[in-house]
Amino acid sequence: MAGRDVAGLPACTSHGLRKLCLTRLAEVGCTVFEIMSISGHKNVEEVQKYVDAANRKKLAVAALGKLQAGQLANA
C-alpha cells in the first residue's frame, strides 16, 4: 500500500504532493535557498516560481484588505 493511500490521499500524485510542500514553504516565508535545501533543486529559477507565486498571493490579500477597509471607511 502506497504512503498516500495510508494518509487518505489516494488521488494525489507524488509530484503534486511535492509541489504542495514547496508551495507551503514559500507561503510561510521560506527563502529560495531554504526551499532548495529541502527539495534538492539545483536551479534557483525553478524554485523562484514558487516564491513569486506566494508573494503575489500575499500582495493580492493585502490589496483586497485595503479595498475592504476603504469601503468600510466610506460607508
PDB file of N, CA and C in Angstrom:
ATOM      1  N   MET A   1       0.847  -1.173   0.000  1.00  0.00           N
ATOM      2  CA  MET A   1       0.000   0.000   0.000  1.00  0.00           C
ATOM      3  C   MET A   1       0.894   1.238   0.000  1.00  0.00           C
ATOM      4  N   ALA A   2       0.603   2.165  -0.902  1.00  0.00           N
ATOM      5  CA  ALA A   2       1.387   3.396  -1.009  1.00  0.00           C
ATOM      6  C   ALA A   2       1.126   4.297   0.191  1.00  0.00           C
ATOM      7  N   GLY A   3       2.132   5.092   0.535  1.00  0.00           N
ATOM      8  CA  GLY A   3       2.017   6.014   1.663  1.00  0.00           C
ATOM      9  C   GLY A   3       0.859   6.981   1.506  1.00  0.00           C
ATOM     10  N   ARG A   4       0.595   7.397   0.258  1.00  0.00           N
ATOM     11  CA  ARG A   4      -0.508   8.334   0.053  1.00  0.00           C
ATOM     12  C   ARG A   4      -1.848   7.684   0.361  1.00  0.00           C
ATOM     13  N   ASP A   5      -1.977   6.372   0.131  1.00  0.00           N
ATOM     14  CA  ASP A   5      -3.211   5.657   0.477  1.00  0.00           C
ATOM     15  C   ASP A   5      -3.377   5.592   1.989  1.00  0.00           C
ATOM     16  N   VAL A   6      -2.292   5.318   2.689  1.00  0.00           N
ATOM     17  CA  VAL A   6      -2.312   5.252   4.147  1.00  0.00           C
ATOM     18  C   VAL A   6      -2.721   6.608   4.725  1.00  0.00           C
ATOM     19  N   ALA A   7      -2.254   7.682   4.082  1.00  0.00           N
ATOM     20  CA  ALA A   7      -2.560   9.040   4.542  1.00  0.00           C
ATOM     21  C   ALA A   7      -3.955   9.492   4.126  1.00  0.00           C
ATOM     22  N   GLY A   8      -4.672   8.648   3.386  1.00  0.00           N
ATOM     23  CA  GLY A   8      -6.006   9.018   2.932  1.00  0.00           C
ATOM     24  C   GLY A   8      -5.990   9.968   1.749  1.00  0.00           C
ATOM     25  N   LEU A   9      -4.930   9.925   0.934  1.00  0.00           N
ATOM     26  CA  LEU A   9      -4.792  10.794  -0.225  1.00  0.00           C
ATOM     27  C   LEU A   9      -4.574   9.986  -1.500  1.00  0.00           C
ATOM     28  N   PRO A  10      -5.452   9.031  -1.793  1.00  0.00           N
ATOM     29  CA  PRO A  10      -5.213   8.137  -2.926  1.00  0.00           C
ATOM     30  C   PRO A  10      -5.202   8.825  -4.287  1.00  0.00           C
ATOM     31  N   ALA A  11      -5.848   9.984  -4.425  1.00  0.00           N
ATOM     32  CA  ALA A  11      -5.919  10.656  -5.722  1.00  0.00           C
ATOM     33  C   ALA A  11      -4.714  11.561  -5.974  1.00  0.00           C
ATOM     34  N   CYS A  12      -3.839  11.703  -4.995  1.00  0.00           N
ATOM     35  CA  CYS A  12      -2.691  12.601  -5.129  1.00  0.00           C
ATOM     36  C   CYS A  12      -1.502  11.884  -5.755  1.00  0.00           C
ATOM     37  N   THR A  13      -0.762  12.632  -6.559  1.00  0.00           N
ATOM     38  CA  THR A  13       0.474  12.092  -7.113  1.00  0.00           C
ATOM     39  C   THR A  13       1.642  12.552  -6.249  1.00  0.00           C
ATOM     40  N   SER A  14       2.737  11.864  -6.341  1.00  0.00           N
ATOM     41  CA  SER A  14       3.912  12.274  -5.571  1.00  0.00           C
ATOM     42  C   SER A  14       4.388  13.649  -6.030  1.00  0.00           C
ATOM     43  N   HIS A  15       4.289  13.936  -7.326  1.00  0.00           N
ATOM     44  CA  HIS A  15       4.675  15.250  -7.838  1.00  0.00           C
ATOM     45  C   HIS A  15       3.768  16.337  -7.264  1.00  0.00           C
ATOM     46  N   GLY A  16       2.479  16.069  -7.222  1.00  0.00           N
ATOM     47  CA  GLY A  16       1.530  17.033  -6.675  1.00  0.00           C
ATOM     48  C   GLY A  16       1.779  17.312  -5.202  1.00  0.00           C
ATOM     49  N   LEU A  17       2.093  16.272  -4.455  1.00  0.00           N
ATOM     50  CA  LEU A  17       2.383  16.447  -3.028  1.00  0.00           C
ATOM     51  C   LEU A  17       3.679  17.230  -2.829  1.00  0.00           C
ATOM     52  N   ARG A  18       4.663  16.972  -3.673  1.00  0.00           N
ATOM     53  CA  ARG A  18       5.931  17.703  -3.597  1.00  0.00           C
ATOM     54  C   ARG A  18       5.712  19.174  -3.913  1.00  0.00           C
ATOM     55  N   LYS A  19       4.923  19.434  -4.946  1.00  0.00           N
ATOM     56  CA  LYS A  19       4.618  20.816  -5.332  1.00  0.00           C
ATOM     57  C   LYS A  19       3.868  21.528  -4.209  1.00  0.00           C
ATOM     58  N   LEU A  20       2.929  20.848  -3.582  1.00  0.00           N
ATOM     59  CA  LEU A  20       2.192  21.421  -2.456  1.00  0.00           C
ATOM     60  C   LEU A  20       3.139  21.771  -1.314  1.00  0.00           C
ATOM     61  N   CYS A  21       4.060  20.892  -1.015  1.00  0.00           N
ATOM     62  CA  CYS A  21       5.027  21.131   0.050  1.00  0.00           C
ATOM     63  C   CYS A  21       5.870  22.368  -0.260  1.00  0.00           C
ATOM     64  N   LEU A  22       6.356  22.481  -1.486  1.00  0.00           N
ATOM     65  CA  LEU A  22       7.187  23.630  -1.866  1.00  0.00           C
ATOM     66  C   LEU A  22       6.373  24.917  -1.844  1.00  0.00           C
ATOM     67  N   THR A  23       5.124  24.830  -2.260  1.00  0.00           N
ATOM     68  CA  THR A  23       4.234  25.995  -2.227  1.00  0.00           C
ATOM     69  C   THR A  23       4.015  26.452  -0.799  1.00  0.00           C
ATOM     70  N   ARG A  24       3.749  25.521   0.089  1.00  0.00           N
ATOM     71  CA  ARG A  24       3.518  25.868   1.501  1.00  0.00           C
ATOM     72  C   ARG A  24       4.769  26.472   2.129  1.00  0.00           C
ATOM     73  N   LEU A  25       5.933  25.943   1.799  1.00  0.00           N
ATOM     74  CA  LEU A  25       7.185  26.508   2.311  1.00  0.00           C
ATOM     75  C   LEU A  25       7.331  27.963   1.871  1.00  0.00           C
ATOM     76  N   ALA A  26       7.022  28.219   0.613  1.00  0.00           N
ATOM     77  CA  ALA A  26       7.112  29.590   0.095  1.00  0.00           C
ATOM     78  C   ALA A  26       6.085  30.490   0.773  1.00  0.00           C
ATOM     79  N   GLU A  27       4.890  29.972   0.997  1.00  0.00           N
ATOM     80  CA  GLU A  27       3.818  30.767   1.612  1.00  0.00           C
ATOM     81  C   GLU A  27       4.125  31.166   3.051  1.00  0.00           C
ATOM     82  N   VAL A  28       4.898  30.363   3.757  1.00  0.00           N
ATOM     83  CA  VAL A  28       5.237  30.712   5.144  1.00  0.00           C
ATOM     84  C   VAL A  28       6.512  31.543   5.223  1.00  0.00           C
ATOM     85  N   GLY A  29       7.067  31.898   4.052  1.00  0.00           N
ATOM     86  CA  GLY A  29       8.187  32.824   4.036  1.00  0.00           C
ATOM     87  C   GLY A  29       9.572  32.227   3.903  1.00  0.00           C
ATOM     88  N   CYS A  30       9.668  30.955   3.569  1.00  0.00           N
ATOM     89  CA  CYS A  30      10.989  30.363   3.360  1.00  0.00           C
ATOM     90  C   CYS A  30      11.651  30.999   2.144  1.00  0.00           C
ATOM     91  N   THR A  31      12.962  31.156   2.205  1.00  0.00           N
ATOM     92  CA  THR A  31      13.705  31.715   1.081  1.00  0.00           C
ATOM     93  C   THR A  31      13.879  30.654  -0.001  1.00  0.00           C
ATOM     94  N   VAL A  32      14.290  31.125  -1.166  1.00  0.00           N
ATOM     95  CA  VAL A  32      14.570  30.205  -2.275  1.00  0.00           C
ATOM     96  C   VAL A  32      15.590  29.154  -1.839  1.00  0.00           C
ATOM     97  N   PHE A  33      16.615  29.586  -1.127  1.00  0.00           N
ATOM     98  CA  PHE A  33      17.690  28.666  -0.755  1.00  0.00           C
ATOM     99  C   PHE A  33      17.246  27.690   0.343  1.00  0.00           C
ATOM    100  N   GLU A  34      16.369  28.126   1.222  1.00  0.00           N
ATOM    101  CA  GLU A  34      15.822  27.201   2.221  1.00  0.00           C
ATOM    102  C   GLU A  34      14.989  26.128   1.533  1.00  0.00           C
ATOM    103  N   ILE A  35      14.175  26.543   0.573  1.00  0.00           N
ATOM    104  CA  ILE A  35      13.345  25.572  -0.162  1.00  0.00           C
ATOM    105  C   ILE A  35      14.231  24.628  -0.960  1.00  0.00           C
ATOM    106  N   MET A  36      15.264  25.169  -1.600  1.00  0.00           N
ATOM    107  CA  MET A  36      16.181  24.328  -2.385  1.00  0.00           C
ATOM    108  C   MET A  36      16.879  23.293  -1.506  1.00  0.00           C
ATOM    109  N   SER A  37      17.164  23.659  -0.250  1.00  0.00           N
ATOM    110  CA  SER A  37      17.844  22.708   0.626  1.00  0.00           C
ATOM    111  C   SER A  37      16.948  21.523   0.966  1.00  0.00           C
ATOM    112  N   ILE A  38      15.649  21.737   0.904  1.00  0.00           N
ATOM    113  CA  ILE A  38      14.696  20.654   1.180  1.00  0.00           C
ATOM    114  C   ILE A  38      14.365  19.884  -0.093  1.00  0.00           C
ATOM    115  N   SER A  39      14.155  20.627  -1.174  1.00  0.00           N
ATOM    116  CA  SER A  39      13.673  19.999  -2.413  1.00  0.00           C
ATOM    117  C   SER A  39      14.765  19.333  -3.238  1.00  0.00           C
ATOM    118  N   GLY A  40      15.999  19.805  -3.064  1.00  0.00           N
ATOM    119  CA  GLY A  40      17.076  19.257  -3.876  1.00  0.00           C
ATOM    120  C   GLY A  40      17.230  19.937  -5.221  1.00  0.00           C
ATOM    121  N   HIS A  41      16.435  20.975  -5.486  1.00  0.00           N
ATOM    122  CA  HIS A  41      16.584  21.711  -6.738  1.00  0.00           C
ATOM    123  C   HIS A  41      17.982  22.318  -6.809  1.00  0.00           C
ATOM    124  N   LYS A  42      18.515  22.355  -8.004  1.00  0.00           N
ATOM    125  CA  LYS A  42      19.811  22.984  -8.221  1.00  0.00           C
ATOM    126  C   LYS A  42      19.650  24.284  -9.006  1.00  0.00           C
ATOM    127  N   ASN A  43      18.438  24.534  -9.491  1.00  0.00           N
ATOM    128  CA  ASN A  43      18.149  25.679 -10.331  1.00  0.00           C
ATOM    129  C   ASN A  43      17.319  26.692  -9.539  1.00  0.00           C
ATOM    130  N   VAL A  44      17.902  27.854  -9.257  1.00  0.00           N
ATOM    131  CA  VAL A  44      17.219  28.893  -8.485  1.00  0.00           C
ATOM    132  C   VAL A  44      15.941  29.347  -9.189  1.00  0.00           C
ATOM    133  N   GLU A  45      15.993  29.478 -10.505  1.00  0.00           N
ATOM    134  CA  GLU A  45      14.845  29.985 -11.256  1.00  0.00           C
ATOM    135  C   GLU A  45      13.601  29.118 -11.061  1.00  0.00           C
ATOM    136  N   GLU A  46      13.787  27.830 -10.992  1.00  0.00           N
ATOM    137  CA  GLU A  46      12.634  26.918 -10.828  1.00  0.00           C
ATOM    138  C   GLU A  46      11.955  27.148  -9.483  1.00  0.00           C
ATOM    139  N   VAL A  47      12.729  27.261  -8.430  1.00  0.00           N
ATOM    140  CA  VAL A  47      12.169  27.451  -7.089  1.00  0.00           C
ATOM    141  C   VAL A  47      11.638  28.874  -6.929  1.00  0.00           C
ATOM    142  N   GLN A  48      12.237  29.818  -7.619  1.00  0.00           N
ATOM    143  CA  GLN A  48      11.786  31.214  -7.542  1.00  0.00           C
ATOM    144  C   GLN A  48      10.330  31.339  -7.973  1.00  0.00           C
ATOM    145  N   LYS A  49       9.869  30.461  -8.854  1.00  0.00           N
ATOM    146  CA  LYS A  49       8.464  30.471  -9.293  1.00  0.00           C
ATOM    147  C   LYS A  49       7.525  30.265  -8.109  1.00  0.00           C
ATOM    148  N   TYR A  50       7.886  29.385  -7.201  1.00  0.00           N
ATOM    149  CA  TYR A  50       7.053  29.141  -6.020  1.00  0.00           C
ATOM    150  C   TYR A  50       7.031  30.365  -5.112  1.00  0.00           C
ATOM    151  N   VAL A  51       8.191  30.974  -4.913  1.00  0.00           N
ATOM    152  CA  VAL A  51       8.297  32.156  -4.053  1.00  0.00           C
ATOM    153  C   VAL A  51       7.533  33.322  -4.675  1.00  0.00           C
ATOM    154  N   ASP A  52       7.674  33.520  -5.979  1.00  0.00           N
ATOM    155  CA  ASP A  52       6.969  34.607  -6.658  1.00  0.00           C
ATOM    156  C   ASP A  52       5.456  34.429  -6.557  1.00  0.00           C
ATOM    157  N   ALA A  53       4.984  33.206  -6.742  1.00  0.00           N
ATOM    158  CA  ALA A  53       3.548  32.941  -6.642  1.00  0.00           C
ATOM    159  C   ALA A  53       3.037  33.215  -5.231  1.00  0.00           C
ATOM    160  N   ALA A  54       3.809  32.827  -4.225  1.00  0.00           N
ATOM    161  CA  ALA A  54       3.409  33.072  -2.838  1.00  0.00           C
ATOM    162  C   ALA A  54       3.386  34.571  -2.558  1.00  0.00           C
ATOM    163  N   ASN A  55       4.357  35.302  -3.086  1.00  0.00           N
ATOM    164  CA  ASN A  55       4.392  36.751  -2.895  1.00  0.00           C
ATOM    165  C   ASN A  55       3.210  37.432  -3.575  1.00  0.00           C
ATOM    166  N   ARG A  56       2.853  36.982  -4.781  1.00  0.00           N
ATOM    167  CA  ARG A  56       1.688  37.545  -5.470  1.00  0.00           C
ATOM    168  C   ARG A  56       0.418  37.300  -4.673  1.00  0.00           C
ATOM    169  N   LYS A  57       0.308  36.125  -4.089  1.00  0.00           N
ATOM    170  CA  LYS A  57      -0.871  35.790  -3.290  1.00  0.00           C
ATOM    171  C   LYS A  57      -0.954  36.717  -2.070  1.00  0.00           C
ATOM    172  N   LYS A  58       0.169  36.952  -1.406  1.00  0.00           N
ATOM    173  CA  LYS A  58       0.188  37.843  -0.239  1.00  0.00           C
ATOM    174  C   LYS A  58      -0.172  39.271  -0.636  1.00  0.00           C
ATOM    175  N   LEU A  59       0.345  39.735  -1.770  1.00  0.00           N
ATOM    176  CA  LEU A  59       0.033  41.080  -2.247  1.00  0.00           C
ATOM    177  C   LEU A  59      -1.452  41.209  -2.588  1.00  0.00           C
ATOM    178  N   ALA A  60      -2.026  40.173  -3.182  1.00  0.00           N
ATOM    179  CA  ALA A  60      -3.450  40.208  -3.527  1.00  0.00           C
ATOM    180  C   ALA A  60      -4.309  40.275  -2.272  1.00  0.00           C
ATOM    181  N   VAL A  61      -3.953  39.502  -1.259  1.00  0.00           N
ATOM    182  CA  VAL A  61      -4.695  39.521   0.002  1.00  0.00           C
ATOM    183  C   VAL A  61      -4.591  40.904   0.647  1.00  0.00           C
ATOM    184  N   ALA A  62      -3.395  41.484   0.627  1.00  0.00           N
ATOM    185  CA  ALA A  62      -3.204  42.817   1.204  1.00  0.00           C
ATOM    186  C   ALA A  62      -4.016  43.865   0.443  1.00  0.00           C
ATOM    187  N   ALA A  63      -4.021  43.781  -0.877  1.00  0.00           N
ATOM    188  CA  ALA A  63      -4.771  44.739  -1.687  1.00  0.00           C
ATOM    189  C   ALA A  63      -6.266  44.627  -1.427  1.00  0.00           C
ATOM    190  N   LEU A  64      -6.768  43.418  -1.329  1.00  0.00           N
ATOM    191  CA  LEU A  64      -8.198  43.241  -1.051  1.00  0.00           C
ATOM    192  C   LEU A  64      -8.559  43.747   0.335  1.00  0.00           C
ATOM    193  N   GLY A  65      -7.641  43.586   1.287  1.00  0.00           N
ATOM    194  CA  GLY A  65      -7.866  44.113   2.636  1.00  0.00           C
ATOM    195  C   GLY A  65      -7.960  45.630   2.625  1.00  0.00           C
ATOM    196  N   LYS A  66      -7.105  46.286   1.831  1.00  0.00           N
ATOM    197  CA  LYS A  66      -7.150  47.746   1.705  1.00  0.00           C
ATOM    198  C   LYS A  66      -8.451  48.194   1.056  1.00  0.00           C
ATOM    199  N   LEU A  67      -8.877  47.454   0.048  1.00  0.00           N
ATOM    200  CA  LEU A  67     -10.127  47.779  -0.616  1.00  0.00           C
ATOM    201  C   LEU A  67     -11.292  47.670   0.355  1.00  0.00           C
ATOM    202  N   GLN A  68     -11.319  46.599   1.108  1.00  0.00           N
ATOM    203  CA  GLN A  68     -12.389  46.396   2.075  1.00  0.00           C
ATOM    204  C   GLN A  68     -12.363  47.490   3.151  1.00  0.00           C
ATOM    205  N   ALA A  69     -11.183  47.845   3.628  1.00  0.00           N
ATOM    206  CA  ALA A  69     -11.061  48.896   4.636  1.00  0.00           C
ATOM    207  C   ALA A  69     -11.533  50.224   4.087  1.00  0.00           C
ATOM    208  N   GLY A  70     -11.208  50.503   2.841  1.00  0.00           N
ATOM    209  CA  GLY A  70     -11.658  51.747   2.199  1.00  0.00           C
ATOM    210  C   GLY A  70     -13.157  51.804   2.042  1.00  0.00           C
ATOM    211  N   GLN A  71     -13.761  50.673   1.708  1.00  0.00           N
ATOM    212  CA  GLN A  71     -15.206  50.623   1.568  1.00  0.00           C
ATOM    213  C   GLN A  71     -15.903  50.813   2.905  1.00  0.00           C
ATOM    214  N   LEU A  72     -15.331  50.242   3.957  1.00  0.00           N
ATOM    215  CA  LEU A  72     -15.914  50.399   5.288  1.00  0.00           C
ATOM    216  C   LEU A  72     -15.788  51.847   5.778  1.00  0.00           C
ATOM    217  N   ALA A  73     -14.670  52.483   5.447  1.00  0.00           N
ATOM    218  CA  ALA A  73     -14.456  53.880   5.860  1.00  0.00           C
ATOM    219  C   ALA A  73     -15.413  54.825   5.131  1.00  0.00           C
ATOM    220  N   ASN A  74     -15.802  54.464   3.926  1.00  0.00           N
ATOM    221  CA  ASN A  74     -16.702  55.321   3.129  1.00  0.00           C
ATOM    222  C   ASN A  74     -18.168  54.975   3.346  1.00  0.00           C
ATOM    223  N   ALA A  75     -18.445  53.979   4.139  1.00  0.00           N
ATOM    224  CA  ALA A  75     -19.849  53.551   4.336  1.00  0.00           C
ATOM    225  C   ALA A  75     -20.553  54.408   5.358  1.00  0.00           C
TER     226      ALA A  75
END
